[in-house]
Amino acid sequence: MPFATGAQARIRTNTPAENAYIALDASSKNISLRQLRLSTGKRINNAADDVAGYITSRALQARNGTMKAALKTVSDALNVTSILQDALDNINGLVTLIKESASSAASGALGTDEKVALAKAAYRMAQQIQTVVDSTVFGGRQLLDSTFYGDFIIGSNASHNLLTISIDMTSSNVDFNVASNNFVVNSIGNGNFAGVSNLNLEALNNVSDTDLGIFSTSMMNLTLASLSNALNNANKVAAYLGGIQNRLQSQEELLKSQIVNYNAAISRLEDSDVAQEQLELIKAQFLQQASLVSLAQANQNGAAFLNLIRG
């Protein structure tokens, strides 16, 4: 703390000038600080500016980075479920068309040729199902061929933030499997489609005027029942994915809100108040000018007393 001193009839020691110099140095440093904060936009540019604030802001930034990564993971999971939902809707329509063909073939008013034509048309739909399965890909991975399994970390630290998506529409999936014990729904590939055992859609192509096969009167009830089960199971999987999508969308909204709040908290800690810093800068510049004038005046005090020696 500087003190004003009197009796300055000395030429060897100039305390007023030293006080003025200290004040000038302080105001110059203050100007440099304000200019730094204005140029960077940050109140905390290093740990020395605010030790506690520096630690808190860095912790918030790390947390925020984790949430941004989780948000990206949520987006990936939403992409997967959206692609799957679209594919399942397509498959639902195709299975419905196959079932309609089978229902039409069950009419006693139709002849053998008409039933064969319906079976061949249904087989084309079965081929398209396989095309849908083969083309439902994300990140180079097949989503509907019963091999897809993905873990998505949609949060930051708790175990319930782990979301697993696994789509297996074969008979091994106990959640969606309904056995007919007669046919295998095989979408031209090598497995049970939609969890219905022993209905082979390849059999649609084997229907002929000499052997109606699964379109025969004795087999039609089982064919229709199995197709109904397949359609129902596909709808169950779509509903399952719908529930996942609802959760993901909720998590997405939560993360976006949290990221904004964390950004605001970091800003309150780190960012400089431009108006306040400008006021402090003007004040420091005024003090700097005043210190320069005071220093110049104090340096002239000793010269005045030299006149006594000259006299």
C-alpha atoms as a PDB file:
ATOM      1  CA  MET A   1       0.000   0.000   0.000  1.00  0.00           C
ATOM      2  CA  PRO A   2       1.631   3.314  -1.049  1.00  0.00           C
ATOM      3  CA  PHE A   3       1.865   6.271   1.348  1.00  0.00           C
ATOM      4  CA  ALA A   4       2.168   9.927   0.476  1.00  0.00           C
ATOM      5  CA  THR A   5       5.374  11.437   1.936  1.00  0.00           C
ATOM      6  CA  GLY A   6       6.321  15.053   2.499  1.00  0.00           C
ATOM      7  CA  ALA A   7       9.562  16.955   3.168  1.00  0.00           C
ATOM      8  CA  GLN A   8      10.987  16.041  -0.197  1.00  0.00           C
ATOM      9  CA  ALA A   9      13.972  18.398   0.007  1.00  0.00           C
ATOM     10  CA  ARG A  10      16.185  15.539  -1.130  1.00  0.00           C
ATOM     11  CA  ILE A  11      17.890  14.743  -4.424  1.00  0.00           C
ATOM     12  CA  ARG A  12      19.192  11.280  -3.567  1.00  0.00           C
ATOM     13  CA  THR A  13      15.844   9.602  -2.783  1.00  0.00           C
ATOM     14  CA  ASN A  14      12.667  10.283  -4.790  1.00  0.00           C
ATOM     15  CA  THR A  15       9.911   8.361  -3.034  1.00  0.00           C
ATOM     16  CA  PRO A  16       7.011  10.144  -4.820  1.00  0.00           C
ATOM     17  CA  ALA A  17       8.490   9.131  -8.164  1.00  0.00           C
ATOM     18  CA  GLU A  18       8.835   5.536  -7.025  1.00  0.00           C
ATOM     19  CA  ASN A  19       5.174   5.494  -5.902  1.00  0.00           C
ATOM     20  CA  ALA A  20       4.121   6.970  -9.226  1.00  0.00           C
ATOM     21  CA  TYR A  21       6.167   4.339 -11.071  1.00  0.00           C
ATOM     22  CA  ILE A  22       4.556   1.509  -9.091  1.00  0.00           C
ATOM     23  CA  ALA A  23       1.108   2.910  -9.865  1.00  0.00           C
ATOM     24  CA  LEU A  24       2.080   3.242 -13.551  1.00  0.00           C
ATOM     25  CA  ASP A  25       3.270  -0.366 -13.646  1.00  0.00           C
ATOM     26  CA  ALA A  26       0.046  -1.613 -12.032  1.00  0.00           C
ATOM     27  CA  SER A  27      -2.174   0.308 -14.440  1.00  0.00           C
ATOM     28  CA  SER A  28      -0.113  -0.915 -17.424  1.00  0.00           C
ATOM     29  CA  LYS A  29      -0.520  -4.533 -16.297  1.00  0.00           C
ATOM     30  CA  ASN A  30      -4.235  -3.947 -15.795  1.00  0.00           C
ATOM     31  CA  ILE A  31      -4.490  -2.563 -19.330  1.00  0.00           C
ATOM     32  CA  SER A  32      -2.695  -5.621 -20.707  1.00  0.00           C
ATOM     33  CA  LEU A  33      -5.074  -7.911 -18.805  1.00  0.00           C
ATOM     34  CA  ARG A  34      -8.184  -6.120 -20.084  1.00  0.00           C
ATOM     35  CA  GLN A  35      -6.870  -6.115 -23.654  1.00  0.00           C
ATOM     36  CA  LEU A  36      -6.148  -9.842 -23.437  1.00  0.00           C
ATOM     37  CA  ARG A  37      -9.640 -10.597 -22.172  1.00  0.00           C
ATOM     38  CA  LEU A  38     -11.210  -8.429 -24.852  1.00  0.00           C
ATOM     39  CA  SER A  39      -9.126  -9.956 -27.627  1.00  0.00           C
ATOM     40  CA  THR A  40      -9.731 -13.600 -26.580  1.00  0.00           C
ATOM     41  CA  GLY A  41     -13.238 -13.118 -25.233  1.00  0.00           C
ATOM     42  CA  LYS A  42     -12.248 -15.124 -22.159  1.00  0.00           C
ATOM     43  CA  ARG A  43     -12.062 -14.071 -18.541  1.00  0.00           C
ATOM     44  CA  ILE A  44      -9.995 -17.166 -17.704  1.00  0.00           C
ATOM     45  CA  ASN A  45      -7.085 -17.513 -20.119  1.00  0.00           C
ATOM     46  CA  ASN A  46      -4.896 -19.557 -17.770  1.00  0.00           C
ATOM     47  CA  ALA A  47      -5.126 -21.189 -14.366  1.00  0.00           C
ATOM     48  CA  ALA A  48      -3.644 -18.124 -12.650  1.00  0.00           C
ATOM     49  CA  ASP A  49      -6.626 -15.994 -13.652  1.00  0.00           C
ATOM     50  CA  ASP A  50      -9.034 -18.021 -11.483  1.00  0.00           C
ATOM     51  CA  VAL A  51      -7.752 -21.250  -9.957  1.00  0.00           C
ATOM     52  CA  ALA A  52     -11.128 -22.589  -8.794  1.00  0.00           C
ATOM     53  CA  GLY A  53     -12.930 -21.401 -11.921  1.00  0.00           C
ATOM     54  CA  TYR A  54     -10.264 -22.993 -14.135  1.00  0.00           C
ATOM     55  CA  ILE A  55     -10.719 -26.423 -12.498  1.00  0.00           C
ATOM     56  CA  THR A  56     -14.516 -26.217 -12.671  1.00  0.00           C
ATOM     57  CA  SER A  57     -14.616 -25.090 -16.292  1.00  0.00           C
ATOM     58  CA  ARG A  58     -12.223 -27.837 -17.416  1.00  0.00           C
ATOM     59  CA  ALA A  59     -14.336 -30.449 -15.632  1.00  0.00           C
ATOM     60  CA  LEU A  60     -17.461 -29.089 -17.307  1.00  0.00           C
ATOM     61  CA  GLN A  61     -15.752 -29.148 -20.707  1.00  0.00           C
ATOM     62  CA  ALA A  62     -14.766 -32.797 -20.236  1.00  0.00           C
ATOM     63  CA  ARG A  63     -18.316 -33.693 -19.220  1.00  0.00           C
ATOM     64  CA  ASN A  64     -19.696 -31.747 -22.159  1.00  0.00           C
ATOM     65  CA  GLY A  65     -17.404 -33.582 -24.556  1.00  0.00           C
ATOM     66  CA  THR A  66     -18.680 -36.906 -23.248  1.00  0.00           C
ATOM     67  CA  MET A  67     -22.286 -35.833 -23.768  1.00  0.00           C
ATOM     68  CA  LYS A  68     -21.542 -34.684 -27.313  1.00  0.00           C
ATOM     69  CA  ALA A  69     -20.059 -38.110 -28.044  1.00  0.00           C
ATOM     70  CA  ALA A  70     -23.147 -39.743 -26.510  1.00  0.00           C
ATOM     71  CA  LEU A  71     -25.353 -37.551 -28.701  1.00  0.00           C
ATOM     72  CA  LYS A  72     -23.523 -38.808 -31.772  1.00  0.00           C
ATOM     73  CA  THR A  73     -24.055 -42.385 -30.582  1.00  0.00           C
ATOM     74  CA  VAL A  74     -27.765 -41.687 -30.107  1.00  0.00           C
ATOM     75  CA  SER A  75     -27.878 -40.375 -33.677  1.00  0.00           C
ATOM     76  CA  ASP A  76     -26.235 -43.571 -34.931  1.00  0.00           C
ATOM     77  CA  ALA A  77     -28.737 -45.701 -33.011  1.00  0.00           C
ATOM     78  CA  LEU A  78     -31.617 -43.648 -34.404  1.00  0.00           C
ATOM     79  CA  ASN A  79     -30.232 -44.154 -37.896  1.00  0.00           C
ATOM     80  CA  VAL A  80     -30.141 -47.917 -37.355  1.00  0.00           C
ATOM     81  CA  THR A  81     -33.686 -48.083 -35.967  1.00  0.00           C
ATOM     82  CA  SER A  82     -35.046 -45.803 -38.696  1.00  0.00           C
ATOM     83  CA  ILE A  83     -33.510 -47.962 -41.429  1.00  0.00           C
ATOM     84  CA  LEU A  84     -34.852 -51.093 -39.747  1.00  0.00           C
ATOM     85  CA  GLN A  85     -38.329 -49.600 -39.360  1.00  0.00           C
ATOM     86  CA  ASP A  86     -38.447 -48.648 -43.007  1.00  0.00           C
ATOM     87  CA  ALA A  87     -37.319 -52.133 -44.059  1.00  0.00           C
ATOM     88  CA  LEU A  88     -39.860 -53.798 -41.766  1.00  0.00           C
ATOM     89  CA  ASP A  89     -42.653 -51.636 -43.146  1.00  0.00           C
ATOM     90  CA  ASN A  90     -41.639 -52.757 -46.623  1.00  0.00           C
ATOM     91  CA  ILE A  91     -41.514 -56.402 -45.548  1.00  0.00           C
ATOM     92  CA  ASN A  92     -44.889 -56.016 -43.843  1.00  0.00           C
ATOM     93  CA  GLY A  93     -46.405 -54.893 -47.114  1.00  0.00           C
ATOM     94  CA  LEU A  94     -44.774 -57.753 -49.024  1.00  0.00           C
ATOM     95  CA  VAL A  95     -45.924 -60.419 -46.566  1.00  0.00           C
ATOM     96  CA  THR A  96     -49.397 -58.908 -46.723  1.00  0.00           C
ATOM     97  CA  LEU A  97     -49.381 -59.261 -50.505  1.00  0.00           C
ATOM     98  CA  ILE A  98     -48.249 -62.899 -50.200  1.00  0.00           C
ATOM     99  CA  LYS A  99     -51.019 -63.561 -47.696  1.00  0.00           C
ATOM    100  CA  GLU A 100     -53.558 -61.909 -49.991  1.00  0.00           C
ATOM    101  CA  SER A 101     -52.422 -64.157 -52.845  1.00  0.00           C
ATOM    102  CA  ALA A 102     -52.802 -67.194 -50.608  1.00  0.00           C
ATOM    103  CA  SER A 103     -56.242 -66.039 -49.477  1.00  0.00           C
ATOM    104  CA  SER A 104     -57.294 -65.530 -53.071  1.00  0.00           C
ATOM    105  CA  ALA A 105     -55.996 -69.006 -53.961  1.00  0.00           C
ATOM    106  CA  ALA A 106     -58.180 -70.436 -51.201  1.00  0.00           C
ATOM    107  CA  SER A 107     -61.272 -69.544 -53.196  1.00  0.00           C
ATOM    108  CA  GLY A 108     -62.996 -72.541 -54.715  1.00  0.00           C
ATOM    109  CA  ALA A 109     -64.002 -70.395 -57.668  1.00  0.00           C
ATOM    110  CA  LEU A 110     -60.426 -70.308 -58.980  1.00  0.00           C
ATOM    111  CA  GLY A 111     -58.971 -72.905 -61.276  1.00  0.00           C
ATOM    112  CA  THR A 112     -55.552 -74.519 -61.119  1.00  0.00           C
ATOM    113  CA  ASP A 113     -53.977 -72.055 -63.555  1.00  0.00           C
ATOM    114  CA  GLU A 114     -55.142 -69.084 -61.527  1.00  0.00           C
ATOM    115  CA  LYS A 115     -53.760 -70.603 -58.304  1.00  0.00           C
ATOM    116  CA  VAL A 116     -50.399 -71.299 -59.954  1.00  0.00           C
ATOM    117  CA  ALA A 117     -50.289 -67.706 -61.231  1.00  0.00           C
ATOM    118  CA  LEU A 118     -51.011 -66.397 -57.723  1.00  0.00           C
ATOM    119  CA  ALA A 119     -48.256 -68.611 -56.267  1.00  0.00           C
ATOM    120  CA  LYS A 120     -45.721 -67.342 -58.813  1.00  0.00           C
ATOM    121  CA  ALA A 121     -46.712 -63.730 -58.080  1.00  0.00           C
ATOM    122  CA  ALA A 122     -46.355 -64.424 -54.343  1.00  0.00           C
ATOM    123  CA  TYR A 123     -42.929 -65.927 -54.980  1.00  0.00           C
ATOM    124  CA  ARG A 124     -41.809 -62.677 -56.620  1.00  0.00           C
ATOM    125  CA  MET A 125     -42.816 -60.901 -53.426  1.00  0.00           C
ATOM    126  CA  ALA A 126     -40.792 -63.441 -51.430  1.00  0.00           C
ATOM    127  CA  GLN A 127     -37.788 -62.693 -53.638  1.00  0.00           C
ATOM    128  CA  GLN A 128     -38.281 -59.005 -52.938  1.00  0.00           C
ATOM    129  CA  ILE A 129     -38.278 -59.733 -49.207  1.00  0.00           C
ATOM    130  CA  GLN A 130     -34.809 -61.204 -49.622  1.00  0.00           C
ATOM    131  CA  THR A 131     -33.769 -58.112 -51.575  1.00  0.00           C
ATOM    132  CA  VAL A 132     -34.979 -55.924 -48.711  1.00  0.00           C
ATOM    133  CA  VAL A 133     -33.059 -58.058 -46.186  1.00  0.00           C
ATOM    134  CA  ASP A 134     -29.884 -57.936 -48.297  1.00  0.00           C
ATOM    135  CA  SER A 135     -30.060 -54.180 -48.857  1.00  0.00           C
ATOM    136  CA  THR A 136     -30.814 -53.235 -45.246  1.00  0.00           C
ATOM    137  CA  VAL A 137     -27.262 -52.295 -44.328  1.00  0.00           C
ATOM    138  CA  PHE A 138     -25.712 -49.690 -42.042  1.00  0.00           C
ATOM    139  CA  GLY A 139     -22.007 -49.167 -41.543  1.00  0.00           C
ATOM    140  CA  GLY A 140     -21.241 -52.151 -43.743  1.00  0.00           C
ATOM    141  CA  ARG A 141     -23.276 -54.490 -41.531  1.00  0.00           C
ATOM    142  CA  GLN A 142     -26.421 -56.404 -42.407  1.00  0.00           C
ATOM    143  CA  LEU A 143     -29.269 -55.442 -40.083  1.00  0.00           C
ATOM    144  CA  LEU A 144     -31.922 -58.075 -40.861  1.00  0.00           C
ATOM    145  CA  ASP A 145     -29.994 -61.265 -41.498  1.00  0.00           C
ATOM    146  CA  SER A 146     -30.060 -62.268 -37.783  1.00  0.00           C
ATOM    147  CA  THR A 147     -26.370 -61.385 -37.303  1.00  0.00           C
ATOM    148  CA  PHE A 148     -26.681 -57.772 -36.214  1.00  0.00           C
ATOM    149  CA  TYR A 149     -25.839 -56.946 -32.619  1.00  0.00           C
ATOM    150  CA  GLY A 150     -24.852 -53.489 -31.441  1.00  0.00           C
ATOM    151  CA  ASP A 151     -24.141 -51.828 -28.090  1.00  0.00           C
ATOM    152  CA  PHE A 152     -24.793 -48.088 -27.954  1.00  0.00           C
ATOM    153  CA  ILE A 153     -23.534 -45.972 -25.036  1.00  0.00           C
ATOM    154  CA  ILE A 154     -26.200 -43.276 -25.078  1.00  0.00           C
ATOM    155  CA  GLY A 155     -25.218 -41.705 -21.734  1.00  0.00           C
ATOM    156  CA  SER A 156     -22.044 -40.871 -19.856  1.00  0.00           C
ATOM    157  CA  ASN A 157     -21.483 -43.108 -16.847  1.00  0.00           C
ATOM    158  CA  ALA A 158     -24.426 -45.155 -15.508  1.00  0.00           C
ATOM    159  CA  SER A 159     -25.034 -48.762 -16.519  1.00  0.00           C
ATOM    160  CA  HIS A 160     -28.554 -48.006 -17.763  1.00  0.00           C
ATOM    161  CA  ASN A 161     -26.998 -45.848 -20.472  1.00  0.00           C
ATOM    162  CA  LEU A 162     -26.000 -49.009 -22.354  1.00  0.00           C
ATOM    163  CA  LEU A 163     -28.540 -49.771 -25.056  1.00  0.00           C
ATOM    164  CA  THR A 164     -28.283 -53.005 -26.996  1.00  0.00           C
ATOM    165  CA  ILE A 165     -30.054 -53.445 -30.312  1.00  0.00           C
ATOM    166  CA  SER A 166     -30.240 -56.965 -31.711  1.00  0.00           C
ATOM    167  CA  ILE A 167     -32.627 -57.965 -34.472  1.00  0.00           C
ATOM    168  CA  ASP A 168     -32.984 -61.703 -35.061  1.00  0.00           C
ATOM    169  CA  MET A 169     -36.149 -62.590 -36.937  1.00  0.00           C
ATOM    170  CA  THR A 170     -35.442 -66.308 -36.943  1.00  0.00           C
ATOM    171  CA  SER A 171     -36.892 -69.123 -34.884  1.00  0.00           C
ATOM    172  CA  SER A 172     -34.087 -68.766 -32.351  1.00  0.00           C
ATOM    173  CA  ASN A 173     -35.510 -65.426 -31.213  1.00  0.00           C
ATOM    174  CA  VAL A 174     -37.835 -66.516 -28.418  1.00  0.00           C
ATOM    175  CA  ASP A 175     -39.360 -63.055 -28.089  1.00  0.00           C
ATOM    176  CA  PHE A 176     -40.884 -63.144 -31.563  1.00  0.00           C
ATOM    177  CA  ASN A 177     -40.993 -66.819 -32.480  1.00  0.00           C
ATOM    178  CA  VAL A 178     -44.343 -68.465 -33.047  1.00  0.00           C
ATOM    179  CA  ALA A 179     -44.004 -72.029 -34.294  1.00  0.00           C
ATOM    180  CA  SER A 180     -46.476 -73.525 -36.751  1.00  0.00           C
ATOM    181  CA  ASN A 181     -44.712 -76.902 -36.675  1.00  0.00           C
ATOM    182  CA  ASN A 182     -45.296 -77.352 -40.372  1.00  0.00           C
ATOM    183  CA  PHE A 183     -43.541 -74.772 -42.502  1.00  0.00           C
ATOM    184  CA  VAL A 184     -40.444 -72.593 -42.527  1.00  0.00           C
ATOM    185  CA  VAL A 185     -40.715 -68.976 -43.574  1.00  0.00           C
ATOM    186  CA  ASN A 186     -37.435 -68.753 -45.420  1.00  0.00           C
ATOM    187  CA  SER A 187     -37.055 -65.478 -47.277  1.00  0.00           C
ATOM    188  CA  ILE A 188     -35.140 -67.213 -50.049  1.00  0.00           C
ATOM    189  CA  GLY A 189     -32.175 -67.214 -47.672  1.00  0.00           C
ATOM    190  CA  ASN A 190     -31.023 -69.758 -45.140  1.00  0.00           C
ATOM    191  CA  GLY A 191     -33.049 -69.359 -41.987  1.00  0.00           C
ATOM    192  CA  ASN A 192     -36.521 -68.948 -40.579  1.00  0.00           C
ATOM    193  CA  PHE A 193     -38.080 -65.650 -41.483  1.00  0.00           C
ATOM    194  CA  ALA A 194     -40.169 -63.774 -38.924  1.00  0.00           C
ATOM    195  CA  GLY A 195     -39.829 -66.556 -36.373  1.00  0.00           C
ATOM    196  CA  VAL A 196     -42.258 -69.012 -37.943  1.00  0.00           C
ATOM    197  CA  SER A 197     -40.953 -72.565 -38.097  1.00  0.00           C
ATOM    198  CA  ASN A 198     -41.307 -74.835 -41.126  1.00  0.00           C
ATOM    199  CA  LEU A 199     -42.729 -72.535 -43.787  1.00  0.00           C
ATOM    200  CA  ASN A 200     -40.440 -72.326 -46.798  1.00  0.00           C
ATOM    201  CA  LEU A 201     -41.364 -69.521 -49.176  1.00  0.00           C
ATOM    202  CA  GLU A 202     -39.327 -71.311 -51.802  1.00  0.00           C
ATOM    203  CA  ALA A 203     -42.317 -73.661 -51.929  1.00  0.00           C
ATOM    204  CA  LEU A 204     -44.310 -70.902 -53.635  1.00  0.00           C
ATOM    205  CA  ASN A 205     -42.145 -71.392 -56.713  1.00  0.00           C
ATOM    206  CA  ASN A 206     -42.811 -75.127 -56.613  1.00  0.00           C
ATOM    207  CA  VAL A 207     -46.551 -74.750 -56.999  1.00  0.00           C
ATOM    208  CA  SER A 208     -47.579 -76.265 -60.338  1.00  0.00           C
ATOM    209  CA  ASP A 209     -50.666 -77.468 -62.148  1.00  0.00           C
ATOM    210  CA  THR A 210     -49.769 -81.024 -61.164  1.00  0.00           C
ATOM    211  CA  ASP A 211     -48.930 -80.264 -57.523  1.00  0.00           C
ATOM    212  CA  LEU A 212     -50.400 -77.214 -55.823  1.00  0.00           C
ATOM    213  CA  GLY A 213     -48.240 -77.848 -52.725  1.00  0.00           C
ATOM    214  CA  ILE A 214     -48.794 -75.200 -50.066  1.00  0.00           C
ATOM    215  CA  PHE A 215     -51.678 -73.796 -52.109  1.00  0.00           C
ATOM    216  CA  SER A 216     -53.521 -77.093 -52.052  1.00  0.00           C
ATOM    217  CA  THR A 217     -56.790 -77.366 -50.169  1.00  0.00           C
ATOM    218  CA  SER A 218     -55.291 -79.592 -47.479  1.00  0.00           C
ATOM    219  CA  MET A 219     -52.369 -77.215 -46.810  1.00  0.00           C
ATOM    220  CA  MET A 220     -54.054 -73.850 -47.245  1.00  0.00           C
ATOM    221  CA  ASN A 221     -55.134 -73.435 -43.600  1.00  0.00           C
ATOM    222  CA  LEU A 222     -51.581 -73.981 -42.397  1.00  0.00           C
ATOM    223  CA  THR A 223     -50.186 -71.683 -45.077  1.00  0.00           C
ATOM    224  CA  LEU A 224     -52.517 -68.845 -44.116  1.00  0.00           C
ATOM    225  CA  ALA A 225     -51.934 -69.385 -40.382  1.00  0.00           C
ATOM    226  CA  SER A 226     -48.169 -69.371 -40.822  1.00  0.00           C
ATOM    227  CA  LEU A 227     -48.247 -66.228 -42.969  1.00  0.00           C
ATOM    228  CA  SER A 228     -50.451 -64.547 -40.355  1.00  0.00           C
ATOM    229  CA  ASN A 229     -47.932 -65.465 -37.651  1.00  0.00           C
ATOM    230  CA  ALA A 230     -45.075 -64.154 -39.774  1.00  0.00           C
ATOM    231  CA  LEU A 231     -46.910 -60.872 -40.329  1.00  0.00           C
ATOM    232  CA  ASN A 232     -47.703 -60.598 -36.629  1.00  0.00           C
ATOM    233  CA  ASN A 233     -44.096 -61.255 -35.645  1.00  0.00           C
ATOM    234  CA  ALA A 234     -42.792 -58.662 -38.089  1.00  0.00           C
ATOM    235  CA  ASN A 235     -45.187 -56.178 -36.509  1.00  0.00           C
ATOM    236  CA  LYS A 236     -43.928 -57.136 -33.031  1.00  0.00           C
ATOM    237  CA  VAL A 237     -40.352 -56.390 -34.086  1.00  0.00           C
ATOM    238  CA  ALA A 238     -41.454 -53.053 -35.531  1.00  0.00           C
ATOM    239  CA  ALA A 239     -43.208 -52.236 -32.247  1.00  0.00           C
ATOM    240  CA  TYR A 240     -40.077 -53.238 -30.330  1.00  0.00           C
ATOM    241  CA  LEU A 241     -38.019 -50.886 -32.469  1.00  0.00           C
ATOM    242  CA  GLY A 242     -40.643 -48.170 -32.033  1.00  0.00           C
ATOM    243  CA  GLY A 243     -40.171 -48.333 -28.273  1.00  0.00           C
ATOM    244  CA  ILE A 244     -36.412 -48.054 -28.713  1.00  0.00           C
ATOM    245  CA  GLN A 245     -36.861 -45.071 -31.005  1.00  0.00           C
ATOM    246  CA  ASN A 246     -39.031 -43.313 -28.433  1.00  0.00           C
ATOM    247  CA  ARG A 247     -36.324 -43.788 -25.816  1.00  0.00           C
ATOM    248  CA  LEU A 248     -33.603 -42.612 -28.176  1.00  0.00           C
ATOM    249  CA  GLN A 249     -35.549 -39.498 -29.136  1.00  0.00           C
ATOM    250  CA  SER A 250     -36.093 -38.689 -25.467  1.00  0.00           C
ATOM    251  CA  GLN A 251     -32.380 -39.190 -24.774  1.00  0.00           C
ATOM    252  CA  GLU A 252     -31.496 -37.011 -27.751  1.00  0.00           C
ATOM    253  CA  GLU A 253     -33.626 -34.148 -26.435  1.00  0.00           C
ATOM    254  CA  LEU A 254     -32.144 -34.582 -22.953  1.00  0.00           C
ATOM    255  CA  LEU A 255     -28.548 -34.537 -24.209  1.00  0.00           C
ATOM    256  CA  LYS A 256     -29.127 -31.500 -26.407  1.00  0.00           C
ATOM    257  CA  SER A 257     -30.634 -29.630 -23.460  1.00  0.00           C
ATOM    258  CA  GLN A 258     -27.790 -30.684 -21.155  1.00  0.00           C
ATOM    259  CA  ILE A 259     -25.137 -29.668 -23.688  1.00  0.00           C
ATOM    260  CA  VAL A 260     -26.701 -26.211 -23.959  1.00  0.00           C
ATOM    261  CA  ASN A 261     -26.819 -25.878 -20.162  1.00  0.00           C
ATOM    262  CA  TYR A 262     -23.201 -26.978 -19.805  1.00  0.00           C
ATOM    263  CA  ASN A 263     -22.138 -24.537 -22.522  1.00  0.00           C
ATOM    264  CA  ALA A 264     -23.928 -21.783 -20.618  1.00  0.00           C
ATOM    265  CA  ALA A 265     -22.208 -22.784 -17.361  1.00  0.00           C
ATOM    266  CA  ILE A 266     -18.791 -22.810 -19.047  1.00  0.00           C
ATOM    267  CA  SER A 267     -19.537 -19.430 -20.598  1.00  0.00           C
ATOM    268  CA  ARG A 268     -20.470 -17.908 -17.248  1.00  0.00           C
ATOM    269  CA  LEU A 269     -17.183 -19.126 -15.795  1.00  0.00           C
ATOM    270  CA  GLU A 270     -14.805 -18.467 -18.673  1.00  0.00           C
ATOM    271  CA  ASP A 271     -16.187 -15.773 -20.944  1.00  0.00           C
ATOM    272  CA  SER A 272     -15.421 -12.146 -20.301  1.00  0.00           C
ATOM    273  CA  ASP A 273     -18.050  -9.442 -19.902  1.00  0.00           C
ATOM    274  CA  VAL A 274     -17.097  -7.173 -22.787  1.00  0.00           C
ATOM    275  CA  ALA A 275     -18.883  -4.106 -21.400  1.00  0.00           C
ATOM    276  CA  GLN A 276     -17.293  -4.528 -17.964  1.00  0.00           C
ATOM    277  CA  GLU A 277     -13.846  -5.163 -19.419  1.00  0.00           C
ATOM    278  CA  GLN A 278     -14.126  -2.070 -21.609  1.00  0.00           C
ATOM    279  CA  LEU A 279     -15.018   0.061 -18.597  1.00  0.00           C
ATOM    280  CA  GLU A 280     -12.060  -1.339 -16.654  1.00  0.00           C
ATOM    281  CA  LEU A 281      -9.782  -0.719 -19.638  1.00  0.00           C
ATOM    282  CA  ILE A 282     -10.798   2.946 -19.873  1.00  0.00           C
ATOM    283  CA  LYS A 283     -10.295   3.319 -16.128  1.00  0.00           C
ATOM    284  CA  ALA A 284      -6.844   1.713 -16.309  1.00  0.00           C
ATOM    285  CA  GLN A 285      -5.870   3.916 -19.272  1.00  0.00           C
ATOM    286  CA  PHE A 286      -6.907   7.032 -17.333  1.00  0.00           C
ATOM    287  CA  LEU A 287      -4.862   5.904 -14.318  1.00  0.00           C
ATOM    288  CA  GLN A 288      -1.923   5.191 -16.614  1.00  0.00           C
ATOM    289  CA  GLN A 289      -2.007   8.727 -17.986  1.00  0.00           C
ATOM    290  CA  ALA A 290      -2.365  10.177 -14.496  1.00  0.00           C
ATOM    291  CA  SER A 291       0.588   8.071 -13.278  1.00  0.00           C
ATOM    292  CA  LEU A 292       2.740   9.321 -16.161  1.00  0.00           C
ATOM    293  CA  VAL A 293       1.961  12.927 -15.265  1.00  0.00           C
ATOM    294  CA  SER A 294       2.634  12.270 -11.575  1.00  0.00           C
ATOM    295  CA  LEU A 295       5.917  10.524 -12.394  1.00  0.00           C
ATOM    296  CA  ALA A 296       7.051  13.437 -14.530  1.00  0.00           C
ATOM    297  CA  GLN A 297       6.201  15.920 -11.802  1.00  0.00           C
ATOM    298  CA  ALA A 298       7.887  13.853  -9.092  1.00  0.00           C
ATOM    299  CA  ASN A 299      11.059  13.621 -11.145  1.00  0.00           C
ATOM    300  CA  GLN A 300      11.237  17.427 -11.253  1.00  0.00           C
ATOM    301  CA  ASN A 301      11.200  17.846  -7.451  1.00  0.00           C
ATOM    302  CA  GLY A 302      14.909  17.173  -7.024  1.00  0.00           C
ATOM    303  CA  ALA A 303      15.814  19.612  -9.799  1.00  0.00           C
ATOM    304  CA  ALA A 304      14.080  22.411  -7.919  1.00  0.00           C
ATOM    305  CA  PHE A 305      16.309  21.929  -4.862  1.00  0.00           C
ATOM    306  CA  LEU A 306      19.454  21.949  -6.956  1.00  0.00           C
ATOM    307  CA  ASN A 307      18.982  25.681  -7.275  1.00  0.00           C
ATOM    308  CA  LEU A 308      19.851  25.995  -3.600  1.00  0.00           C
ATOM    309  CA  ILE A 309      23.243  24.392  -4.291  1.00  0.00           C
ATOM    310  CA  ARG A 310      23.843  26.615  -7.267  1.00  0.00           C
ATOM    311  CA  GLY A 311      23.043  29.700  -5.181  1.00  0.00           C
END
